[in-house]
PDB file of N, CA and C in Angstrom:
ATOM      1  N   MET A   1     -12.277  -1.255  19.974  1.00  0.00           N
ATOM      2  CA  MET A   1     -12.120  -0.758  18.630  1.00  0.00           C
ATOM      3  C   MET A   1     -13.074  -1.496  17.686  1.00  0.00           C
ATOM      4  N   HIS A   2     -13.077  -2.817  17.813  1.00  0.00           N
ATOM      5  CA  HIS A   2     -13.922  -3.627  16.934  1.00  0.00           C
ATOM      6  C   HIS A   2     -15.391  -3.242  17.087  1.00  0.00           C
ATOM      7  N   VAL A   3     -15.824  -3.051  18.327  1.00  0.00           N
ATOM      8  CA  VAL A   3     -17.228  -2.712  18.576  1.00  0.00           C
ATOM      9  C   VAL A   3     -17.544  -1.346  17.972  1.00  0.00           C
ATOM     10  N   SER A   4     -16.635  -0.400  18.133  1.00  0.00           N
ATOM     11  CA  SER A   4     -16.843   0.941  17.581  1.00  0.00           C
ATOM     12  C   SER A   4     -16.969   0.895  16.062  1.00  0.00           C
ATOM     13  N   LEU A   5     -16.097   0.139  15.407  1.00  0.00           N
ATOM     14  CA  LEU A   5     -16.154   0.031  13.947  1.00  0.00           C
ATOM     15  C   LEU A   5     -17.411  -0.705  13.503  1.00  0.00           C
ATOM     16  N   ARG A   6     -17.770  -1.750  14.232  1.00  0.00           N
ATOM     17  CA  ARG A   6     -18.991  -2.487  13.885  1.00  0.00           C
ATOM     18  C   ARG A   6     -20.210  -1.575  13.978  1.00  0.00           C
ATOM     19  N   ASP A   7     -20.257  -0.755  15.027  1.00  0.00           N
ATOM     20  CA  ASP A   7     -21.399   0.146  15.204  1.00  0.00           C
ATOM     21  C   ASP A   7     -21.480   1.199  14.100  1.00  0.00           C
ATOM     22  N   LYS A   8     -20.341   1.567  13.538  1.00  0.00           N
ATOM     23  CA  LYS A   8     -20.304   2.594  12.488  1.00  0.00           C
ATOM     24  C   LYS A   8     -20.362   1.998  11.087  1.00  0.00           C
ATOM     25  N   SER A   9     -20.292   0.687  10.975  1.00  0.00           N
ATOM     26  CA  SER A   9     -20.150   0.051   9.654  1.00  0.00           C
ATOM     27  C   SER A   9     -21.286   0.385   8.699  1.00  0.00           C
ATOM     28  N   ALA A  10     -22.492   0.565   9.207  1.00  0.00           N
ATOM     29  CA  ALA A  10     -23.615   0.891   8.320  1.00  0.00           C
ATOM     30  C   ALA A  10     -23.388   2.222   7.615  1.00  0.00           C
ATOM     31  N   ASP A  11     -22.602   3.099   8.237  1.00  0.00           N
ATOM     32  CA  ASP A  11     -22.342   4.419   7.656  1.00  0.00           C
ATOM     33  C   ASP A  11     -21.223   4.404   6.609  1.00  0.00           C
ATOM     34  N   PHE A  12     -20.276   3.482   6.732  1.00  0.00           N
ATOM     35  CA  PHE A  12     -19.136   3.528   5.808  1.00  0.00           C
ATOM     36  C   PHE A  12     -18.917   2.260   4.985  1.00  0.00           C
ATOM     37  N   ASP A  13     -19.434   1.119   5.418  1.00  0.00           N
ATOM     38  CA  ASP A  13     -19.162  -0.140   4.711  1.00  0.00           C
ATOM     39  C   ASP A  13     -20.227  -0.410   3.654  1.00  0.00           C
ATOM     40  N   SER A  14     -20.308   0.493   2.705  1.00  0.00           N
ATOM     41  CA  SER A  14     -21.302   0.355   1.636  1.00  0.00           C
ATOM     42  C   SER A  14     -21.032  -0.864   0.764  1.00  0.00           C
ATOM     43  N   GLU A  15     -19.802  -1.334   0.751  1.00  0.00           N
ATOM     44  CA  GLU A  15     -19.428  -2.499  -0.068  1.00  0.00           C
ATOM     45  C   GLU A  15     -19.605  -3.814   0.687  1.00  0.00           C
ATOM     46  N   LYS A  16     -19.930  -3.737   1.966  1.00  0.00           N
ATOM     47  CA  LYS A  16     -20.121  -4.935   2.797  1.00  0.00           C
ATOM     48  C   LYS A  16     -18.884  -5.839   2.779  1.00  0.00           C
ATOM     49  N   VAL A  17     -17.721  -5.232   3.002  1.00  0.00           N
ATOM     50  CA  VAL A  17     -16.485  -6.022   3.017  1.00  0.00           C
ATOM     51  C   VAL A  17     -16.266  -6.721   4.348  1.00  0.00           C
ATOM     52  N   GLY A  18     -16.832  -6.201   5.431  1.00  0.00           N
ATOM     53  CA  GLY A  18     -16.675  -6.812   6.743  1.00  0.00           C
ATOM     54  C   GLY A  18     -15.282  -6.614   7.307  1.00  0.00           C
ATOM     55  N   PRO A  19     -15.060  -7.119   8.521  1.00  0.00           N
ATOM     56  CA  PRO A  19     -13.771  -6.919   9.188  1.00  0.00           C
ATOM     57  C   PRO A  19     -12.579  -7.518   8.441  1.00  0.00           C
ATOM     58  N   ILE A  20     -12.723  -8.741   7.962  1.00  0.00           N
ATOM     59  CA  ILE A  20     -11.599  -9.387   7.257  1.00  0.00           C
ATOM     60  C   ILE A  20     -11.295  -8.646   5.957  1.00  0.00           C
ATOM     61  N   GLY A  21     -12.320  -8.311   5.206  1.00  0.00           N
ATOM     62  CA  GLY A  21     -12.111  -7.555   3.970  1.00  0.00           C
ATOM     63  C   GLY A  21     -11.446  -6.222   4.234  1.00  0.00           C
ATOM     64  N   GLY A  22     -11.865  -5.554   5.310  1.00  0.00           N
ATOM     65  CA  GLY A  22     -11.249  -4.284   5.673  1.00  0.00           C
ATOM     66  C   GLY A  22      -9.784  -4.440   6.017  1.00  0.00           C
ATOM     67  N   MET A  23      -9.460  -5.498   6.770  1.00  0.00           N
ATOM     68  CA  MET A  23      -8.054  -5.739   7.125  1.00  0.00           C
ATOM     69  C   MET A  23      -7.225  -6.059   5.883  1.00  0.00           C
ATOM     70  N   ILE A  24      -7.801  -6.817   4.966  1.00  0.00           N
ATOM     71  CA  ILE A  24      -7.082  -7.138   3.728  1.00  0.00           C
ATOM     72  C   ILE A  24      -6.822  -5.854   2.945  1.00  0.00           C
ATOM     73  N   LEU A  25      -7.831  -5.007   2.797  1.00  0.00           N
ATOM     74  CA  LEU A  25      -7.669  -3.767   2.041  1.00  0.00           C
ATOM     75  C   LEU A  25      -6.646  -2.837   2.690  1.00  0.00           C
ATOM     76  N   LEU A  26      -6.686  -2.715   4.015  1.00  0.00           N
ATOM     77  CA  LEU A  26      -5.699  -1.879   4.709  1.00  0.00           C
ATOM     78  C   LEU A  26      -4.286  -2.418   4.510  1.00  0.00           C
ATOM     79  N   THR A  27      -4.142  -3.741   4.577  1.00  0.00           N
ATOM     80  CA  THR A  27      -2.833  -4.354   4.380  1.00  0.00           C
ATOM     81  C   THR A  27      -2.339  -4.129   2.959  1.00  0.00           C
ATOM     82  N   MET A  28      -3.237  -4.287   1.995  1.00  0.00           N
ATOM     83  CA  MET A  28      -2.849  -4.085   0.600  1.00  0.00           C
ATOM     84  C   MET A  28      -2.470  -2.628   0.336  1.00  0.00           C
ATOM     85  N   ALA A  29      -3.105  -1.703   1.038  1.00  0.00           N
ATOM     86  CA  ALA A  29      -2.746  -0.291   0.883  1.00  0.00           C
ATOM     87  C   ALA A  29      -1.308  -0.052   1.337  1.00  0.00           C
ATOM     88  N   GLU A  30      -0.879  -0.787   2.354  1.00  0.00           N
ATOM     89  CA  GLU A  30       0.501  -0.685   2.832  1.00  0.00           C
ATOM     90  C   GLU A  30       1.479  -1.369   1.886  1.00  0.00           C
ATOM     91  N   LEU A  31       1.088  -2.530   1.359  1.00  0.00           N
ATOM     92  CA  LEU A  31       2.004  -3.342   0.560  1.00  0.00           C
ATOM     93  C   LEU A  31       2.112  -2.900  -0.890  1.00  0.00           C
ATOM     94  N   GLY A  32       1.043  -2.333  -1.440  1.00  0.00           N
ATOM     95  CA  GLY A  32       1.011  -2.028  -2.866  1.00  0.00           C
ATOM     96  C   GLY A  32       0.626  -3.272  -3.652  1.00  0.00           C
ATOM     97  N   CYS A  33       1.001  -3.307  -4.904  1.00  0.00           N
ATOM     98  CA  CYS A  33       0.694  -4.443  -5.768  1.00  0.00           C
ATOM     99  C   CYS A  33       1.737  -5.534  -5.517  1.00  0.00           C
ATOM    100  N   VAL A  34       1.285  -6.643  -4.943  1.00  0.00           N
ATOM    101  CA  VAL A  34       2.195  -7.701  -4.505  1.00  0.00           C
ATOM    102  C   VAL A  34       1.661  -9.065  -4.928  1.00  0.00           C
ATOM    103  N   PRO A  35       2.513 -10.089  -4.889  1.00  0.00           N
ATOM    104  CA  PRO A  35       2.023 -11.440  -5.167  1.00  0.00           C
ATOM    105  C   PRO A  35       0.958 -11.859  -4.161  1.00  0.00           C
ATOM    106  N   MET A  36      -0.028 -12.555  -4.641  1.00  0.00           N
ATOM    107  CA  MET A  36      -1.109 -13.058  -3.793  1.00  0.00           C
ATOM    108  C   MET A  36      -0.542 -13.850  -2.623  1.00  0.00           C
ATOM    109  N   GLN A  37       0.513 -14.601  -2.857  1.00  0.00           N
ATOM    110  CA  GLN A  37       1.127 -15.418  -1.811  1.00  0.00           C
ATOM    111  C   GLN A  37       1.585 -14.555  -0.637  1.00  0.00           C
ATOM    112  N   GLU A  38       2.059 -13.350  -0.900  1.00  0.00           N
ATOM    113  CA  GLU A  38       2.516 -12.470   0.180  1.00  0.00           C
ATOM    114  C   GLU A  38       1.351 -12.055   1.082  1.00  0.00           C
ATOM    115  N   VAL A  39       0.215 -11.746   0.486  1.00  0.00           N
ATOM    116  CA  VAL A  39      -0.964 -11.385   1.272  1.00  0.00           C
ATOM    117  C   VAL A  39      -1.422 -12.594   2.085  1.00  0.00           C
ATOM    118  N   THR A  40      -1.447 -13.761   1.466  1.00  0.00           N
ATOM    119  CA  THR A  40      -1.847 -14.993   2.145  1.00  0.00           C
ATOM    120  C   THR A  40      -0.941 -15.262   3.339  1.00  0.00           C
ATOM    121  N   THR A  41       0.353 -15.113   3.149  1.00  0.00           N
ATOM    122  CA  THR A  41       1.316 -15.340   4.225  1.00  0.00           C
ATOM    123  C   THR A  41       1.115 -14.335   5.352  1.00  0.00           C
ATOM    124  N   ARG A  42       0.899 -13.078   5.019  1.00  0.00           N
ATOM    125  CA  ARG A  42       0.680 -12.040   6.030  1.00  0.00           C
ATOM    126  C   ARG A  42      -0.494 -12.368   6.943  1.00  0.00           C
ATOM    127  N   PHE A  43      -1.535 -12.941   6.375  1.00  0.00           N
ATOM    128  CA  PHE A  43      -2.742 -13.218   7.145  1.00  0.00           C
ATOM    129  C   PHE A  43      -2.733 -14.590   7.794  1.00  0.00           C
ATOM    130  N   GLY A  44      -1.776 -15.429   7.429  1.00  0.00           N
ATOM    131  CA  GLY A  44      -1.718 -16.751   8.029  1.00  0.00           C
ATOM    132  C   GLY A  44      -2.942 -17.594   7.722  1.00  0.00           C
ATOM    133  N   ARG A  45      -3.556 -17.335   6.593  1.00  0.00           N
ATOM    134  CA  ARG A  45      -4.737 -18.091   6.176  1.00  0.00           C
ATOM    135  C   ARG A  45      -4.324 -19.035   5.053  1.00  0.00           C
ATOM    136  N   ASP A  46      -5.155 -20.040   4.811  1.00  0.00           N
ATOM    137  CA  ASP A  46      -4.808 -20.915   3.698  1.00  0.00           C
ATOM    138  C   ASP A  46      -5.188 -20.242   2.378  1.00  0.00           C
ATOM    139  N   LYS A  47      -4.599 -20.760   1.334  1.00  0.00           N
ATOM    140  CA  LYS A  47      -4.751 -20.167   0.006  1.00  0.00           C
ATOM    141  C   LYS A  47      -6.211 -20.093  -0.434  1.00  0.00           C
ATOM    142  N   SER A  48      -6.993 -21.129  -0.147  1.00  0.00           N
ATOM    143  CA  SER A  48      -8.385 -21.138  -0.602  1.00  0.00           C
ATOM    144  C   SER A  48      -9.207 -20.050   0.099  1.00  0.00           C
ATOM    145  N   GLN A  49      -8.963 -19.820   1.399  1.00  0.00           N
ATOM    146  CA  GLN A  49      -9.669 -18.756   2.115  1.00  0.00           C
ATOM    147  C   GLN A  49      -9.347 -17.385   1.517  1.00  0.00           C
ATOM    148  N   MET A  50      -8.081 -17.147   1.266  1.00  0.00           N
ATOM    149  CA  MET A  50      -7.668 -15.848   0.723  1.00  0.00           C
ATOM    150  C   MET A  50      -8.158 -15.678  -0.708  1.00  0.00           C
ATOM    151  N   THR A  51      -8.178 -16.755  -1.469  1.00  0.00           N
ATOM    152  CA  THR A  51      -8.677 -16.670  -2.842  1.00  0.00           C
ATOM    153  C   THR A  51     -10.144 -16.270  -2.849  1.00  0.00           C
ATOM    154  N   ARG A  52     -10.934 -16.876  -1.972  1.00  0.00           N
ATOM    155  CA  ARG A  52     -12.356 -16.510  -1.883  1.00  0.00           C
ATOM    156  C   ARG A  52     -12.529 -15.050  -1.462  1.00  0.00           C
ATOM    157  N   ALA A  53     -11.772 -14.630  -0.467  1.00  0.00           N
ATOM    158  CA  ALA A  53     -11.861 -13.239  -0.002  1.00  0.00           C
ATOM    159  C   ALA A  53     -11.461 -12.278  -1.113  1.00  0.00           C
ATOM    160  N   MET A  54     -10.393 -12.605  -1.831  1.00  0.00           N
ATOM    161  CA  MET A  54      -9.916 -11.760  -2.923  1.00  0.00           C
ATOM    162  C   MET A  54     -10.932 -11.718  -4.061  1.00  0.00           C
ATOM    163  N   GLN A  55     -11.547 -12.854  -4.368  1.00  0.00           N
ATOM    164  CA  GLN A  55     -12.574 -12.887  -5.414  1.00  0.00           C
ATOM    165  C   GLN A  55     -13.745 -11.978  -5.046  1.00  0.00           C
ATOM    166  N   SER A  56     -14.138 -11.988  -3.791  1.00  0.00           N
ATOM    167  CA  SER A  56     -15.227 -11.136  -3.332  1.00  0.00           C
ATOM    168  C   SER A  56     -14.845  -9.664  -3.474  1.00  0.00           C
ATOM    169  N   LEU A  57     -13.637  -9.309  -3.048  1.00  0.00           N
ATOM    170  CA  LEU A  57     -13.177  -7.921  -3.151  1.00  0.00           C
ATOM    171  C   LEU A  57     -13.010  -7.502  -4.609  1.00  0.00           C
ATOM    172  N   GLU A  58     -12.575  -8.446  -5.443  1.00  0.00           N
ATOM    173  CA  GLU A  58     -12.425  -8.162  -6.873  1.00  0.00           C
ATOM    174  C   GLU A  58     -13.798  -7.944  -7.515  1.00  0.00           C
ATOM    175  N   HIS A  59     -14.756  -8.778  -7.165  1.00  0.00           N
ATOM    176  CA  HIS A  59     -16.116  -8.655  -7.695  1.00  0.00           C
ATOM    177  C   HIS A  59     -16.732  -7.294  -7.335  1.00  0.00           C
ATOM    178  N   LYS A  60     -16.351  -6.773  -6.195  1.00  0.00           N
ATOM    179  CA  LYS A  60     -16.853  -5.466  -5.744  1.00  0.00           C
ATOM    180  C   LYS A  60     -16.072  -4.306  -6.345  1.00  0.00           C
ATOM    181  N   GLY A  61     -15.052  -4.621  -7.129  1.00  0.00           N
ATOM    182  CA  GLY A  61     -14.271  -3.588  -7.795  1.00  0.00           C
ATOM    183  C   GLY A  61     -13.251  -2.905  -6.906  1.00  0.00           C
ATOM    184  N   LEU A  62     -12.874  -3.548  -5.795  1.00  0.00           N
ATOM    185  CA  LEU A  62     -11.945  -2.934  -4.848  1.00  0.00           C
ATOM    186  C   LEU A  62     -10.498  -3.368  -5.061  1.00  0.00           C
ATOM    187  N   VAL A  63     -10.306  -4.556  -5.618  1.00  0.00           N
ATOM    188  CA  VAL A  63      -8.964  -5.050  -5.925  1.00  0.00           C
ATOM    189  C   VAL A  63      -8.966  -5.605  -7.345  1.00  0.00           C
ATOM    190  N   GLU A  64      -7.771  -5.707  -7.878  1.00  0.00           N
ATOM    191  CA  GLU A  64      -7.635  -6.358  -9.189  1.00  0.00           C
ATOM    192  C   GLU A  64      -6.473  -7.321  -9.126  1.00  0.00           C
ATOM    193  N   ARG A  65      -6.643  -8.405  -9.854  1.00  0.00           N
ATOM    194  CA  ARG A  65      -5.599  -9.424  -9.941  1.00  0.00           C
ATOM    195  C   ARG A  65      -5.046  -9.417 -11.354  1.00  0.00           C
ATOM    196  N   THR A  66      -3.731  -9.487 -11.437  1.00  0.00           N
ATOM    197  CA  THR A  66      -3.061  -9.538 -12.736  1.00  0.00           C
ATOM    198  C   THR A  66      -1.929 -10.562 -12.649  1.00  0.00           C
ATOM    199  N   LYS A  67      -1.482 -11.008 -13.806  1.00  0.00           N
ATOM    200  CA  LYS A  67      -0.340 -11.924 -13.858  1.00  0.00           C
ATOM    201  C   LYS A  67       0.945 -11.102 -13.861  1.00  0.00           C
ATOM    202  N   SER A  68       1.934 -11.605 -13.161  1.00  0.00           N
ATOM    203  CA  SER A  68       3.241 -10.966 -13.135  1.00  0.00           C
ATOM    204  C   SER A  68       3.874 -11.052 -14.518  1.00  0.00           C
ATOM    205  N   LYS A  69       4.478  -9.978 -14.971  1.00  0.00           N
ATOM    206  CA  LYS A  69       5.163  -9.989 -16.266  1.00  0.00           C
ATOM    207  C   LYS A  69       6.459 -10.790 -16.191  1.00  0.00           C
ATOM    208  N   GLU A  70       7.042 -10.853 -14.986  1.00  0.00           N
ATOM    209  CA  GLU A  70       8.289 -11.591 -14.807  1.00  0.00           C
ATOM    210  C   GLU A  70       8.061 -13.101 -14.705  1.00  0.00           C
ATOM    211  N   ASP A  71       6.923 -13.484 -14.112  1.00  0.00           N
ATOM    212  CA  ASP A  71       6.637 -14.907 -13.905  1.00  0.00           C
ATOM    213  C   ASP A  71       5.126 -15.099 -14.020  1.00  0.00           C
ATOM    214  N   MET A  72       4.676 -15.612 -15.142  1.00  0.00           N
ATOM    215  CA  MET A  72       3.241 -15.735 -15.416  1.00  0.00           C
ATOM    216  C   MET A  72       2.525 -16.691 -14.447  1.00  0.00           C
ATOM    217  N   ARG A  73       3.280 -17.445 -13.647  1.00  0.00           N
ATOM    218  CA  ARG A  73       2.663 -18.319 -12.652  1.00  0.00           C
ATOM    219  C   ARG A  73       2.219 -17.536 -11.417  1.00  0.00           C
ATOM    220  N   VAL A  74       2.731 -16.305 -11.278  1.00  0.00           N
ATOM    221  CA  VAL A  74       2.471 -15.493 -10.090  1.00  0.00           C
ATOM    222  C   VAL A  74       1.320 -14.531 -10.361  1.00  0.00           C
ATOM    223  N   THR A  75       0.359 -14.526  -9.432  1.00  0.00           N
ATOM    224  CA  THR A  75      -0.755 -13.585  -9.513  1.00  0.00           C
ATOM    225  C   THR A  75      -0.474 -12.415  -8.580  1.00  0.00           C
ATOM    226  N   LEU A  76      -0.521 -11.213  -9.133  1.00  0.00           N
ATOM    227  CA  LEU A  76      -0.345 -10.000  -8.343  1.00  0.00           C
ATOM    228  C   LEU A  76      -1.717  -9.440  -7.975  1.00  0.00           C
ATOM    229  N   VAL A  77      -1.817  -8.865  -6.802  1.00  0.00           N
ATOM    230  CA  VAL A  77      -3.062  -8.228  -6.370  1.00  0.00           C
ATOM    231  C   VAL A  77      -2.751  -6.802  -5.940  1.00  0.00           C
ATOM    232  N   GLY A  78      -3.670  -5.911  -6.266  1.00  0.00           N
ATOM    233  CA  GLY A  78      -3.504  -4.511  -5.893  1.00  0.00           C
ATOM    234  C   GLY A  78      -4.859  -3.839  -5.786  1.00  0.00           C
ATOM    235  N   LEU A  79      -4.870  -2.711  -5.116  1.00  0.00           N
ATOM    236  CA  LEU A  79      -6.103  -1.945  -4.976  1.00  0.00           C
ATOM    237  C   LEU A  79      -6.447  -1.237  -6.275  1.00  0.00           C
ATOM    238  N   THR A  80      -7.712  -1.140  -6.550  1.00  0.00           N
ATOM    239  CA  THR A  80      -8.196  -0.312  -7.650  1.00  0.00           C
ATOM    240  C   THR A  80      -8.386   1.097  -7.087  1.00  0.00           C
ATOM    241  N   PRO A  81      -8.621   2.095  -7.937  1.00  0.00           N
ATOM    242  CA  PRO A  81      -8.928   3.429  -7.418  1.00  0.00           C
ATOM    243  C   PRO A  81     -10.124   3.409  -6.460  1.00  0.00           C
ATOM    244  N   ARG A  82     -11.100   2.581  -6.764  1.00  0.00           N
ATOM    245  CA  ARG A  82     -12.261   2.449  -5.876  1.00  0.00           C
ATOM    246  C   ARG A  82     -11.841   1.853  -4.533  1.00  0.00           C
ATOM    247  N   GLY A  83     -10.935   0.882  -4.558  1.00  0.00           N
ATOM    248  CA  GLY A  83     -10.410   0.293  -3.332  1.00  0.00           C
ATOM    249  C   GLY A  83      -9.614   1.303  -2.520  1.00  0.00           C
ATOM    250  N   GLU A  84      -8.821   2.121  -3.199  1.00  0.00           N
ATOM    251  CA  GLU A  84      -8.048   3.164  -2.514  1.00  0.00           C
ATOM    252  C   GLU A  84      -8.978   4.163  -1.841  1.00  0.00           C
ATOM    253  N   ALA A  85     -10.065   4.526  -2.517  1.00  0.00           N
ATOM    254  CA  ALA A  85     -11.035   5.458  -1.937  1.00  0.00           C
ATOM    255  C   ALA A  85     -11.693   4.835  -0.708  1.00  0.00           C
ATOM    256  N   PHE A  86     -12.026   3.554  -0.790  1.00  0.00           N
ATOM    257  CA  PHE A  86     -12.630   2.868   0.356  1.00  0.00           C
ATOM    258  C   PHE A  86     -11.663   2.846   1.534  1.00  0.00           C
ATOM    259  N   VAL A  87     -10.382   2.578   1.273  1.00  0.00           N
ATOM    260  CA  VAL A  87      -9.379   2.545   2.337  1.00  0.00           C
ATOM    261  C   VAL A  87      -9.261   3.928   2.990  1.00  0.00           C
ATOM    262  N   ALA A  88      -9.321   4.981   2.208  1.00  0.00           N
ATOM    263  CA  ALA A  88      -9.242   6.339   2.771  1.00  0.00           C
ATOM    264  C   ALA A  88     -10.392   6.581   3.745  1.00  0.00           C
ATOM    265  N   VAL A  89     -11.596   6.167   3.358  1.00  0.00           N
ATOM    266  CA  VAL A  89     -12.755   6.306   4.247  1.00  0.00           C
ATOM    267  C   VAL A  89     -12.559   5.452   5.497  1.00  0.00           C
ATOM    268  N   LEU A  90     -12.111   4.224   5.314  1.00  0.00           N
ATOM    269  CA  LEU A  90     -11.900   3.317   6.438  1.00  0.00           C
ATOM    270  C   LEU A  90     -10.870   3.879   7.411  1.00  0.00           C
ATOM    271  N   ARG A  91      -9.788   4.422   6.900  1.00  0.00           N
ATOM    272  CA  ARG A  91      -8.763   5.020   7.773  1.00  0.00           C
ATOM    273  C   ARG A  91      -9.336   6.181   8.578  1.00  0.00           C
ATOM    274  N   ASN A  92     -10.176   6.999   7.954  1.00  0.00           N
ATOM    275  CA  ASN A  92     -10.802   8.112   8.674  1.00  0.00           C
ATOM    276  C   ASN A  92     -11.693   7.604   9.802  1.00  0.00           C
ATOM    277  N   VAL A  93     -12.472   6.560   9.528  1.00  0.00           N
ATOM    278  CA  VAL A  93     -13.353   6.001  10.551  1.00  0.00           C
ATOM    279  C   VAL A  93     -12.530   5.398  11.689  1.00  0.00           C
ATOM    280  N   ILE A  94     -11.443   4.732  11.359  1.00  0.00           N
ATOM    281  CA  ILE A  94     -10.572   4.158  12.389  1.00  0.00           C
ATOM    282  C   ILE A  94      -9.983   5.278  13.246  1.00  0.00           C
ATOM    283  N   GLU A  95      -9.535   6.343  12.611  1.00  0.00           N
ATOM    284  CA  GLU A  95      -8.972   7.473  13.354  1.00  0.00           C
ATOM    285  C   GLU A  95     -10.022   8.088  14.291  1.00  0.00           C
ATOM    286  N   GLU A  96     -11.236   8.245  13.788  1.00  0.00           N
ATOM    287  CA  GLU A  96     -12.319   8.769  14.628  1.00  0.00           C
ATOM    288  C   GLU A  96     -12.570   7.852  15.823  1.00  0.00           C
ATOM    289  N   SER A  97     -12.588   6.559  15.580  1.00  0.00           N
ATOM    290  CA  SER A  97     -12.831   5.597  16.662  1.00  0.00           C
ATOM    291  C   SER A  97     -11.723   5.647  17.704  1.00  0.00           C
ATOM    292  N   ILE A  98     -10.485   5.721  17.250  1.00  0.00           N
ATOM    293  CA  ILE A  98      -9.354   5.805  18.183  1.00  0.00           C
ATOM    294  C   ILE A  98      -9.457   7.079  19.012  1.00  0.00           C
ATOM    295  N   ASN A  99      -9.780   8.197  18.354  1.00  0.00           N
ATOM    296  CA  ASN A  99      -9.916   9.458  19.087  1.00  0.00           C
ATOM    297  C   ASN A  99     -11.036   9.397  20.119  1.00  0.00           C
ATOM    298  N   GLU A 100     -12.134   8.729  19.784  1.00  0.00           N
ATOM    299  CA  GLU A 100     -13.229   8.573  20.740  1.00  0.00           C
ATOM    300  C   GLU A 100     -12.797   7.728  21.941  1.00  0.00           C
ATOM    301  N   ILE A 101     -12.070   6.659  21.673  1.00  0.00           N
ATOM    302  CA  ILE A 101     -11.600   5.785  22.747  1.00  0.00           C
ATOM    303  C   ILE A 101     -10.624   6.527  23.659  1.00  0.00           C
ATOM    304  N   LEU A 102      -9.769   7.342  23.065  1.00  0.00           N
ATOM    305  CA  LEU A 102      -8.726   8.037  23.828  1.00  0.00           C
ATOM    306  C   LEU A 102      -9.178   9.393  24.364  1.00  0.00           C
ATOM    307  N   GLU A 103     -10.413   9.756  24.127  1.00  0.00           N
ATOM    308  CA  GLU A 103     -10.909  11.073  24.546  1.00  0.00           C
ATOM    309  C   GLU A 103     -10.655  11.376  26.024  1.00  0.00           C
ATOM    310  N   PRO A 104     -10.848  10.417  26.933  1.00  0.00           N
ATOM    311  CA  PRO A 104     -10.626  10.737  28.354  1.00  0.00           C
ATOM    312  C   PRO A 104      -9.151  10.924  28.728  1.00  0.00           C
ATOM    313  N   ILE A 105      -8.258  10.640  27.807  1.00  0.00           N
ATOM    314  CA  ILE A 105      -6.822  10.690  28.099  1.00  0.00           C
ATOM    315  C   ILE A 105      -6.260  12.041  27.622  1.00  0.00           C
ATOM    316  N   SER A 106      -5.441  12.665  28.453  1.00  0.00           N
ATOM    317  CA  SER A 106      -4.842  13.958  28.099  1.00  0.00           C
ATOM    318  C   SER A 106      -3.824  13.779  26.971  1.00  0.00           C
ATOM    319  N   ASP A 107      -3.457  14.892  26.347  1.00  0.00           N
ATOM    320  CA  ASP A 107      -2.456  14.849  25.274  1.00  0.00           C
ATOM    321  C   ASP A 107      -1.138  14.283  25.780  1.00  0.00           C
ATOM    322  N   GLN A 108      -0.745  14.666  26.986  1.00  0.00           N
ATOM    323  CA  GLN A 108       0.507  14.163  27.555  1.00  0.00           C
ATOM    324  C   GLN A 108       0.420  12.649  27.777  1.00  0.00           C
ATOM    325  N   GLU A 109      -0.709  12.170  28.270  1.00  0.00           N
ATOM    326  CA  GLU A 109      -0.888  10.735  28.479  1.00  0.00           C
ATOM    327  C   GLU A 109      -0.894   9.986  27.145  1.00  0.00           C
ATOM    328  N   ARG A 110      -1.449  10.604  26.104  1.00  0.00           N
ATOM    329  CA  ARG A 110      -1.428   9.986  24.771  1.00  0.00           C
ATOM    330  C   ARG A 110      -0.002   9.822  24.272  1.00  0.00           C
ATOM    331  N   GLU A 111       0.822  10.845  24.488  1.00  0.00           N
ATOM    332  CA  GLU A 111       2.228  10.765  24.061  1.00  0.00           C
ATOM    333  C   GLU A 111       2.940   9.622  24.765  1.00  0.00           C
ATOM    334  N   VAL A 112       2.666   9.459  26.062  1.00  0.00           N
ATOM    335  CA  VAL A 112       3.264   8.360  26.824  1.00  0.00           C
ATOM    336  C   VAL A 112       2.766   7.027  26.271  1.00  0.00           C
ATOM    337  N   LEU A 113       1.468   6.939  26.017  1.00  0.00           N
ATOM    338  CA  LEU A 113       0.889   5.709  25.473  1.00  0.00           C
ATOM    339  C   LEU A 113       1.515   5.355  24.125  1.00  0.00           C
ATOM    340  N   VAL A 114       1.625   6.320  23.234  1.00  0.00           N
ATOM    341  CA  VAL A 114       2.230   6.085  21.916  1.00  0.00           C
ATOM    342  C   VAL A 114       3.676   5.634  22.083  1.00  0.00           C
ATOM    343  N   SER A 115       4.402   6.263  22.999  1.00  0.00           N
ATOM    344  CA  SER A 115       5.796   5.877  23.248  1.00  0.00           C
ATOM    345  C   SER A 115       5.892   4.430  23.714  1.00  0.00           C
ATOM    346  N   ILE A 116       5.019   4.055  24.626  1.00  0.00           N
ATOM    347  CA  ILE A 116       5.035   2.677  25.142  1.00  0.00           C
ATOM    348  C   ILE A 116       4.654   1.688  24.044  1.00  0.00           C
ATOM    349  N   LEU A 117       3.576   1.992  23.316  1.00  0.00           N
ATOM    350  CA  LEU A 117       3.118   1.069  22.273  1.00  0.00           C
ATOM    351  C   LEU A 117       4.124   0.934  21.135  1.00  0.00           C
ATOM    352  N   SER A 118       4.894   1.992  20.866  1.00  0.00           N
ATOM    353  CA  SER A 118       5.877   1.907  19.775  1.00  0.00           C
ATOM    354  C   SER A 118       7.008   0.959  20.120  1.00  0.00           C
ATOM    355  N   ARG A 119       7.179   0.665  21.411  1.00  0.00           N
ATOM    356  CA  ARG A 119       8.230  -0.254  21.825  1.00  0.00           C
ATOM    357  C   ARG A 119       7.760  -1.706  21.850  1.00  0.00           C
ATOM    358  N   VAL A 120       6.455  -1.909  21.720  1.00  0.00           N
ATOM    359  CA  VAL A 120       5.890  -3.250  21.741  1.00  0.00           C
ATOM    360  C   VAL A 120       5.870  -3.784  20.316  1.00  0.00           C
ATOM    361  N   SER A 121       6.394  -4.962  20.131  1.00  0.00           N
ATOM    362  CA  SER A 121       6.383  -5.584  18.810  1.00  0.00           C
ATOM    363  C   SER A 121       5.097  -6.383  18.659  1.00  0.00           C
ATOM    364  N   LEU A 122       4.274  -5.969  17.701  1.00  0.00           N
ATOM    365  CA  LEU A 122       3.001  -6.661  17.499  1.00  0.00           C
ATOM    366  C   LEU A 122       3.094  -7.650  16.384  1.00  0.00           C
TER     367      LEU A 122
END
């Protein structure tokens, strides 16, 4: 999967977010606007690494950081409309890559694979 996405990155990664940036954006699309600490915890990275990554994504106009109205000590992060559009493109490319990888497998075999993978806790 990684190799397939890397090979296609010149076509879709116009923002040069790279693999980590892409994973952060996909995760944020699932989480919505959340405290920065939640994203940091999800990735198991230290705060300084995530802050740098977030600053890069913010500079590119893909995410925005705001202060929580409930607790001004908390920084919330969320996708911008531009970030949402990038995630939509990224999801399409991922779907294409998965379909290419699974092309030799019949529809029935895909159903079995999905059933098995849904039982595995990742």
